[in-house]
Amino acid sequence: MAAGLRDVLGEALAAKVGRTWDEHRERAARDAVAVAGLARVVGDPRPAVVAALDGEVFDLPALAAVRDLLVAAGG
């Protein structure tokens, strides 16, 4: 993947994209460990997980969006 990125983006931007990709993968791994720990604490092996949102949840429409995500995750 890195070589393909360098060909398209150039060396500097490809390096930046690669670092960002690595940071996101590390964050996802930490989040997975945290979610598993919380699931153990609350005794539910299948917690509803809502992806990161684009904005803050500070009003009723945002809360409704979170509700919709939780309902969808609960199947």
PDB file of N, CA and C in Angstrom:
ATOM      1  N   MET A   1       0.822  -1.191   0.000  1.00  0.00           N
ATOM      2  CA  MET A   1       0.000   0.000   0.000  1.00  0.00           C
ATOM      3  C   MET A   1       0.866   1.255   0.000  1.00  0.00           C
ATOM      4  N   ALA A   2       1.938   1.272   0.783  1.00  0.00           N
ATOM      5  CA  ALA A   2       2.764   2.473   0.898  1.00  0.00           C
ATOM      6  C   ALA A   2       3.354   2.889  -0.444  1.00  0.00           C
ATOM      7  N   ALA A   3       3.830   1.917  -1.209  1.00  0.00           N
ATOM      8  CA  ALA A   3       4.419   2.257  -2.505  1.00  0.00           C
ATOM      9  C   ALA A   3       3.366   2.864  -3.423  1.00  0.00           C
ATOM     10  N   GLY A   4       2.170   2.311  -3.407  1.00  0.00           N
ATOM     11  CA  GLY A   4       1.089   2.851  -4.220  1.00  0.00           C
ATOM     12  C   GLY A   4       0.725   4.266  -3.814  1.00  0.00           C
ATOM     13  N   LEU A   5       0.737   4.525  -2.507  1.00  0.00           N
ATOM     14  CA  LEU A   5       0.459   5.885  -2.034  1.00  0.00           C
ATOM     15  C   LEU A   5       1.538   6.855  -2.485  1.00  0.00           C
ATOM     16  N   ARG A   6       2.786   6.441  -2.393  1.00  0.00           N
ATOM     17  CA  ARG A   6       3.886   7.323  -2.816  1.00  0.00           C
ATOM     18  C   ARG A   6       3.761   7.676  -4.288  1.00  0.00           C
ATOM     19  N   ASP A   7       3.371   6.694  -5.086  1.00  0.00           N
ATOM     20  CA  ASP A   7       3.222   6.946  -6.524  1.00  0.00           C
ATOM     21  C   ASP A   7       2.141   7.985  -6.804  1.00  0.00           C
ATOM     22  N   VAL A   8       1.070   7.947  -6.028  1.00  0.00           N
ATOM     23  CA  VAL A   8      -0.068   8.835  -6.271  1.00  0.00           C
ATOM     24  C   VAL A   8       0.076  10.165  -5.544  1.00  0.00           C
ATOM     25  N   LEU A   9       0.539  10.119  -4.291  1.00  0.00           N
ATOM     26  CA  LEU A   9       0.533  11.313  -3.439  1.00  0.00           C
ATOM     27  C   LEU A   9       1.875  12.023  -3.320  1.00  0.00           C
ATOM     28  N   GLY A  10       2.924  11.342  -3.659  1.00  0.00           N
ATOM     29  CA  GLY A  10       4.249  11.900  -3.413  1.00  0.00           C
ATOM     30  C   GLY A  10       4.741  11.458  -2.042  1.00  0.00           C
ATOM     31  N   GLU A  11       6.038  11.577  -1.838  1.00  0.00           N
ATOM     32  CA  GLU A  11       6.683  11.048  -0.631  1.00  0.00           C
ATOM     33  C   GLU A  11       6.153  11.676   0.655  1.00  0.00           C
ATOM     34  N   ALA A  12       6.099  12.995   0.719  1.00  0.00           N
ATOM     35  CA  ALA A  12       5.732  13.676   1.969  1.00  0.00           C
ATOM     36  C   ALA A  12       4.284  13.390   2.366  1.00  0.00           C
ATOM     37  N   LEU A  13       3.366  13.524   1.426  1.00  0.00           N
ATOM     38  CA  LEU A  13       1.958  13.309   1.753  1.00  0.00           C
ATOM     39  C   LEU A  13       1.686  11.835   2.044  1.00  0.00           C
ATOM     40  N   ALA A  14       2.330  10.940   1.316  1.00  0.00           N
ATOM     41  CA  ALA A  14       2.158   9.508   1.572  1.00  0.00           C
ATOM     42  C   ALA A  14       2.641   9.160   2.974  1.00  0.00           C
ATOM     43  N   ALA A  15       3.736   9.762   3.412  1.00  0.00           N
ATOM     44  CA  ALA A  15       4.232   9.520   4.769  1.00  0.00           C
ATOM     45  C   ALA A  15       3.229  10.015   5.802  1.00  0.00           C
ATOM     46  N   LYS A  16       2.658  11.180   5.553  1.00  0.00           N
ATOM     47  CA  LYS A  16       1.663  11.735   6.481  1.00  0.00           C
ATOM     48  C   LYS A  16       0.421  10.844   6.533  1.00  0.00           C
ATOM     49  N   VAL A  17      -0.053  10.403   5.388  1.00  0.00           N
ATOM     50  CA  VAL A  17      -1.215   9.513   5.342  1.00  0.00           C
ATOM     51  C   VAL A  17      -0.899   8.206   6.069  1.00  0.00           C
ATOM     52  N   GLY A  18       0.288   7.689   5.874  1.00  0.00           N
ATOM     53  CA  GLY A  18       0.692   6.456   6.552  1.00  0.00           C
ATOM     54  C   GLY A  18       0.714   6.611   8.062  1.00  0.00           C
ATOM     55  N   ARG A  19       1.246   7.732   8.545  1.00  0.00           N
ATOM     56  CA  ARG A  19       1.261   7.984   9.995  1.00  0.00           C
ATOM     57  C   ARG A  19      -0.159   8.099  10.537  1.00  0.00           C
ATOM     58  N   THR A  20      -1.010   8.807   9.810  1.00  0.00           N
ATOM     59  CA  THR A  20      -2.402   8.961  10.247  1.00  0.00           C
ATOM     60  C   THR A  20      -3.100   7.610  10.288  1.00  0.00           C
ATOM     61  N   TRP A  21      -2.872   6.792   9.281  1.00  0.00           N
ATOM     62  CA  TRP A  21      -3.450   5.443   9.242  1.00  0.00           C
ATOM     63  C   TRP A  21      -3.006   4.648  10.464  1.00  0.00           C
ATOM     64  N   ASP A  22      -1.706   4.683  10.763  1.00  0.00           N
ATOM     65  CA  ASP A  22      -1.187   3.962  11.925  1.00  0.00           C
ATOM     66  C   ASP A  22      -1.809   4.472  13.221  1.00  0.00           C
ATOM     67  N   GLU A  23      -1.957   5.789  13.350  1.00  0.00           N
ATOM     68  CA  GLU A  23      -2.567   6.367  14.551  1.00  0.00           C
ATOM     69  C   GLU A  23      -4.010   5.899  14.711  1.00  0.00           C
ATOM     70  N   HIS A  24      -4.751   5.860  13.621  1.00  0.00           N
ATOM     71  CA  HIS A  24      -6.146   5.410  13.692  1.00  0.00           C
ATOM     72  C   HIS A  24      -6.230   3.931  14.048  1.00  0.00           C
ATOM     73  N   ARG A  25      -5.345   3.124  13.519  1.00  0.00           N
ATOM     74  CA  ARG A  25      -5.333   1.697  13.860  1.00  0.00           C
ATOM     75  C   ARG A  25      -4.997   1.497  15.325  1.00  0.00           C
ATOM     76  N   GLU A  26      -4.032   2.265  15.850  1.00  0.00           N
ATOM     77  CA  GLU A  26      -3.688   2.169  17.269  1.00  0.00           C
ATOM     78  C   GLU A  26      -4.864   2.595  18.143  1.00  0.00           C
ATOM     79  N   ARG A  27      -5.525   3.676  17.766  1.00  0.00           N
ATOM     80  CA  ARG A  27      -6.691   4.143  18.531  1.00  0.00           C
ATOM     81  C   ARG A  27      -7.800   3.093  18.495  1.00  0.00           C
ATOM     82  N   ALA A  28      -8.029   2.492  17.349  1.00  0.00           N
ATOM     83  CA  ALA A  28      -9.066   1.461  17.237  1.00  0.00           C
ATOM     84  C   ALA A  28      -8.740   0.264  18.124  1.00  0.00           C
ATOM     85  N   ALA A  29      -7.468  -0.112  18.178  1.00  0.00           N
ATOM     86  CA  ALA A  29      -7.071  -1.232  19.037  1.00  0.00           C
ATOM     87  C   ALA A  29      -7.298  -0.890  20.507  1.00  0.00           C
ATOM     88  N   ARG A  30      -6.943   0.325  20.921  1.00  0.00           N
ATOM     89  CA  ARG A  30      -7.186   0.753  22.311  1.00  0.00           C
ATOM     90  C   ARG A  30      -8.674   0.786  22.608  1.00  0.00           C
ATOM     91  N   ASP A  31      -9.460   1.294  21.667  1.00  0.00           N
ATOM     92  CA  ASP A  31     -10.909   1.345  21.860  1.00  0.00           C
ATOM     93  C   ASP A  31     -11.488  -0.061  22.005  1.00  0.00           C
ATOM     94  N   ALA A  32     -11.010  -1.002  21.209  1.00  0.00           N
ATOM     95  CA  ALA A  32     -11.510  -2.374  21.287  1.00  0.00           C
ATOM     96  C   ALA A  32     -11.219  -2.981  22.655  1.00  0.00           C
ATOM     97  N   VAL A  33     -10.036  -2.722  23.191  1.00  0.00           N
ATOM     98  CA  VAL A  33      -9.691  -3.213  24.527  1.00  0.00           C
ATOM     99  C   VAL A  33     -10.600  -2.569  25.572  1.00  0.00           C
ATOM    100  N   ALA A  34     -10.838  -1.268  25.442  1.00  0.00           N
ATOM    101  CA  ALA A  34     -11.701  -0.563  26.392  1.00  0.00           C
ATOM    102  C   ALA A  34     -13.132  -1.085  26.327  1.00  0.00           C
ATOM    103  N   VAL A  35     -13.649  -1.308  25.133  1.00  0.00           N
ATOM    104  CA  VAL A  35     -15.018  -1.820  24.980  1.00  0.00           C
ATOM    105  C   VAL A  35     -15.120  -3.219  25.579  1.00  0.00           C
ATOM    106  N   ALA A  36     -14.131  -4.061  25.335  1.00  0.00           N
ATOM    107  CA  ALA A  36     -14.149  -5.414  25.904  1.00  0.00           C
ATOM    108  C   ALA A  36     -14.128  -5.355  27.429  1.00  0.00           C
ATOM    109  N   GLY A  37     -13.326  -4.451  27.984  1.00  0.00           N
ATOM    110  CA  GLY A  37     -13.284  -4.294  29.439  1.00  0.00           C
ATOM    111  C   GLY A  37     -14.613  -3.829  29.996  1.00  0.00           C
ATOM    112  N   LEU A  38     -15.223  -2.855  29.344  1.00  0.00           N
ATOM    113  CA  LEU A  38     -16.535  -2.378  29.791  1.00  0.00           C
ATOM    114  C   LEU A  38     -17.588  -3.476  29.680  1.00  0.00           C
ATOM    115  N   ALA A  39     -17.529  -4.256  28.619  1.00  0.00           N
ATOM    116  CA  ALA A  39     -18.487  -5.351  28.452  1.00  0.00           C
ATOM    117  C   ALA A  39     -18.352  -6.356  29.593  1.00  0.00           C
ATOM    118  N   ARG A  40     -17.115  -6.640  30.015  1.00  0.00           N
ATOM    119  CA  ARG A  40     -16.909  -7.544  31.153  1.00  0.00           C
ATOM    120  C   ARG A  40     -17.489  -6.952  32.427  1.00  0.00           C
ATOM    121  N   VAL A  41     -17.253  -5.658  32.639  1.00  0.00           N
ATOM    122  CA  VAL A  41     -17.723  -5.000  33.859  1.00  0.00           C
ATOM    123  C   VAL A  41     -19.246  -5.017  33.942  1.00  0.00           C
ATOM    124  N   VAL A  42     -19.912  -4.730  32.845  1.00  0.00           N
ATOM    125  CA  VAL A  42     -21.375  -4.670  32.873  1.00  0.00           C
ATOM    126  C   VAL A  42     -22.019  -6.032  32.629  1.00  0.00           C
ATOM    127  N   GLY A  43     -21.213  -7.030  32.296  1.00  0.00           N
ATOM    128  CA  GLY A  43     -21.736  -8.377  32.121  1.00  0.00           C
ATOM    129  C   GLY A  43     -22.479  -8.611  30.825  1.00  0.00           C
ATOM    130  N   ASP A  44     -22.189  -7.833  29.812  1.00  0.00           N
ATOM    131  CA  ASP A  44     -22.842  -8.008  28.510  1.00  0.00           C
ATOM    132  C   ASP A  44     -21.768  -8.201  27.448  1.00  0.00           C
ATOM    133  N   PRO A  45     -21.658  -9.407  26.909  1.00  0.00           N
ATOM    134  CA  PRO A  45     -20.596  -9.656  25.930  1.00  0.00           C
ATOM    135  C   PRO A  45     -20.844  -9.011  24.570  1.00  0.00           C
ATOM    136  N   ARG A  46     -22.027  -8.437  24.354  1.00  0.00           N
ATOM    137  CA  ARG A  46     -22.350  -7.844  23.059  1.00  0.00           C
ATOM    138  C   ARG A  46     -22.847  -6.411  23.230  1.00  0.00           C
ATOM    139  N   PRO A  47     -21.990  -5.510  23.629  1.00  0.00           N
ATOM    140  CA  PRO A  47     -22.449  -4.124  23.812  1.00  0.00           C
ATOM    141  C   PRO A  47     -22.781  -3.479  22.468  1.00  0.00           C
ATOM    142  N   ALA A  48     -23.690  -2.535  22.511  1.00  0.00           N
ATOM    143  CA  ALA A  48     -23.986  -1.744  21.316  1.00  0.00           C
ATOM    144  C   ALA A  48     -22.896  -0.689  21.191  1.00  0.00           C
ATOM    145  N   VAL A  49     -22.212  -0.686  20.087  1.00  0.00           N
ATOM    146  CA  VAL A  49     -21.105   0.246  19.872  1.00  0.00           C
ATOM    147  C   VAL A  49     -21.517   1.240  18.798  1.00  0.00           C
ATOM    148  N   VAL A  50     -21.415   2.505  19.127  1.00  0.00           N
ATOM    149  CA  VAL A  50     -21.738   3.572  18.180  1.00  0.00           C
ATOM    150  C   VAL A  50     -20.424   4.158  17.680  1.00  0.00           C
ATOM    151  N   ALA A  51     -20.283   4.244  16.391  1.00  0.00           N
ATOM    152  CA  ALA A  51     -19.064   4.809  15.804  1.00  0.00           C
ATOM    153  C   ALA A  51     -18.899   6.268  16.215  1.00  0.00           C
ATOM    154  N   ALA A  52     -17.703   6.762  16.079  1.00  0.00           N
ATOM    155  CA  ALA A  52     -17.434   8.170  16.370  1.00  0.00           C
ATOM    156  C   ALA A  52     -18.348   9.043  15.519  1.00  0.00           C
ATOM    157  N   LEU A  53     -18.874  10.061  16.132  1.00  0.00           N
ATOM    158  CA  LEU A  53     -19.792  10.963  15.440  1.00  0.00           C
ATOM    159  C   LEU A  53     -19.030  12.152  14.868  1.00  0.00           C
ATOM    160  N   ASP A  54     -19.586  12.768  13.860  1.00  0.00           N
ATOM    161  CA  ASP A  54     -18.945  13.922  13.231  1.00  0.00           C
ATOM    162  C   ASP A  54     -18.981  15.163  14.110  1.00  0.00           C
ATOM    163  N   GLY A  55     -19.936  15.230  15.018  1.00  0.00           N
ATOM    164  CA  GLY A  55     -20.071  16.423  15.853  1.00  0.00           C
ATOM    165  C   GLY A  55     -20.413  16.054  17.279  1.00  0.00           C
ATOM    166  N   GLU A  56     -20.593  17.071  18.096  1.00  0.00           N
ATOM    167  CA  GLU A  56     -20.953  16.880  19.492  1.00  0.00           C
ATOM    168  C   GLU A  56     -22.437  16.549  19.617  1.00  0.00           C
ATOM    169  N   VAL A  57     -22.771  15.876  20.700  1.00  0.00           N
ATOM    170  CA  VAL A  57     -24.168  15.574  21.002  1.00  0.00           C
ATOM    171  C   VAL A  57     -24.611  16.575  22.059  1.00  0.00           C
ATOM    172  N   PHE A  58     -25.290  17.626  21.611  1.00  0.00           N
ATOM    173  CA  PHE A  58     -25.666  18.690  22.543  1.00  0.00           C
ATOM    174  C   PHE A  58     -27.099  19.159  22.362  1.00  0.00           C
ATOM    175  N   ASP A  59     -27.832  18.546  21.447  1.00  0.00           N
ATOM    176  CA  ASP A  59     -29.210  18.978  21.236  1.00  0.00           C
ATOM    177  C   ASP A  59     -30.084  17.761  20.923  1.00  0.00           C
ATOM    178  N   LEU A  60     -31.375  17.986  20.849  1.00  0.00           N
ATOM    179  CA  LEU A  60     -32.304  16.876  20.634  1.00  0.00           C
ATOM    180  C   LEU A  60     -32.097  16.151  19.306  1.00  0.00           C
ATOM    181  N   PRO A  61     -31.857  16.843  18.198  1.00  0.00           N
ATOM    182  CA  PRO A  61     -31.607  16.096  16.957  1.00  0.00           C
ATOM    183  C   PRO A  61     -30.373  15.188  17.056  1.00  0.00           C
ATOM    184  N   ALA A  62     -29.333  15.650  17.736  1.00  0.00           N
ATOM    185  CA  ALA A  62     -28.141  14.816  17.898  1.00  0.00           C
ATOM    186  C   ALA A  62     -28.446  13.612  18.783  1.00  0.00           C
ATOM    187  N   LEU A  63     -29.203  13.824  19.859  1.00  0.00           N
ATOM    188  CA  LEU A  63     -29.602  12.704  20.713  1.00  0.00           C
ATOM    189  C   LEU A  63     -30.465  11.709  19.940  1.00  0.00           C
ATOM    190  N   ALA A  64     -31.332  12.207  19.091  1.00  0.00           N
ATOM    191  CA  ALA A  64     -32.161  11.323  18.269  1.00  0.00           C
ATOM    192  C   ALA A  64     -31.288  10.500  17.321  1.00  0.00           C
ATOM    193  N   ALA A  65     -30.242  11.103  16.793  1.00  0.00           N
ATOM    194  CA  ALA A  65     -29.329  10.372  15.909  1.00  0.00           C
ATOM    195  C   ALA A  65     -28.623   9.255  16.675  1.00  0.00           C
ATOM    196  N   VAL A  66     -28.196   9.540  17.911  1.00  0.00           N
ATOM    197  CA  VAL A  66     -27.564   8.506  18.740  1.00  0.00           C
ATOM    198  C   VAL A  66     -28.576   7.398  19.030  1.00  0.00           C
ATOM    199  N   ARG A  67     -29.808   7.776  19.365  1.00  0.00           N
ATOM    200  CA  ARG A  67     -30.858   6.780  19.601  1.00  0.00           C
ATOM    201  C   ARG A  67     -31.005   5.869  18.388  1.00  0.00           C
ATOM    202  N   ASP A  68     -31.051   6.456  17.208  1.00  0.00           N
ATOM    203  CA  ASP A  68     -31.211   5.665  15.990  1.00  0.00           C
ATOM    204  C   ASP A  68     -30.050   4.692  15.803  1.00  0.00           C
ATOM    205  N   LEU A  69     -28.838   5.138  16.099  1.00  0.00           N
ATOM    206  CA  LEU A  69     -27.671   4.262  15.987  1.00  0.00           C
ATOM    207  C   LEU A  69     -27.744   3.120  16.993  1.00  0.00           C
ATOM    208  N   LEU A  70     -28.166   3.430  18.218  1.00  0.00           N
ATOM    209  CA  LEU A  70     -28.272   2.391  19.243  1.00  0.00           C
ATOM    210  C   LEU A  70     -29.365   1.382  18.906  1.00  0.00           C
ATOM    211  N   VAL A  71     -30.486   1.861  18.415  1.00  0.00           N
ATOM    212  CA  VAL A  71     -31.572   0.957  18.029  1.00  0.00           C
ATOM    213  C   VAL A  71     -31.104   0.054  16.891  1.00  0.00           C
ATOM    214  N   ALA A  72     -30.421   0.622  15.920  1.00  0.00           N
ATOM    215  CA  ALA A  72     -29.919  -0.172  14.795  1.00  0.00           C
ATOM    216  C   ALA A  72     -28.893  -1.199  15.270  1.00  0.00           C
ATOM    217  N   ALA A  73     -28.030  -0.818  16.217  1.00  0.00           N
ATOM    218  CA  ALA A  73     -27.001  -1.728  16.720  1.00  0.00           C
ATOM    219  C   ALA A  73     -27.615  -2.858  17.533  1.00  0.00           C
ATOM    220  N   GLY A  74     -28.746  -2.573  18.174  1.00  0.00           N
ATOM    221  CA  GLY A  74     -29.397  -3.586  18.992  1.00  0.00           C
ATOM    222  C   GLY A  74     -30.152  -4.627  18.188  1.00  0.00           C
ATOM    223  N   GLY A  75     -30.302  -4.346  16.910  1.00  0.00           N
ATOM    224  CA  GLY A  75     -30.926  -5.281  16.001  1.00  0.00           C
ATOM    225  C   GLY A  75     -32.358  -5.495  16.293  1.00  0.00           C
TER     226      GLY A  75
END
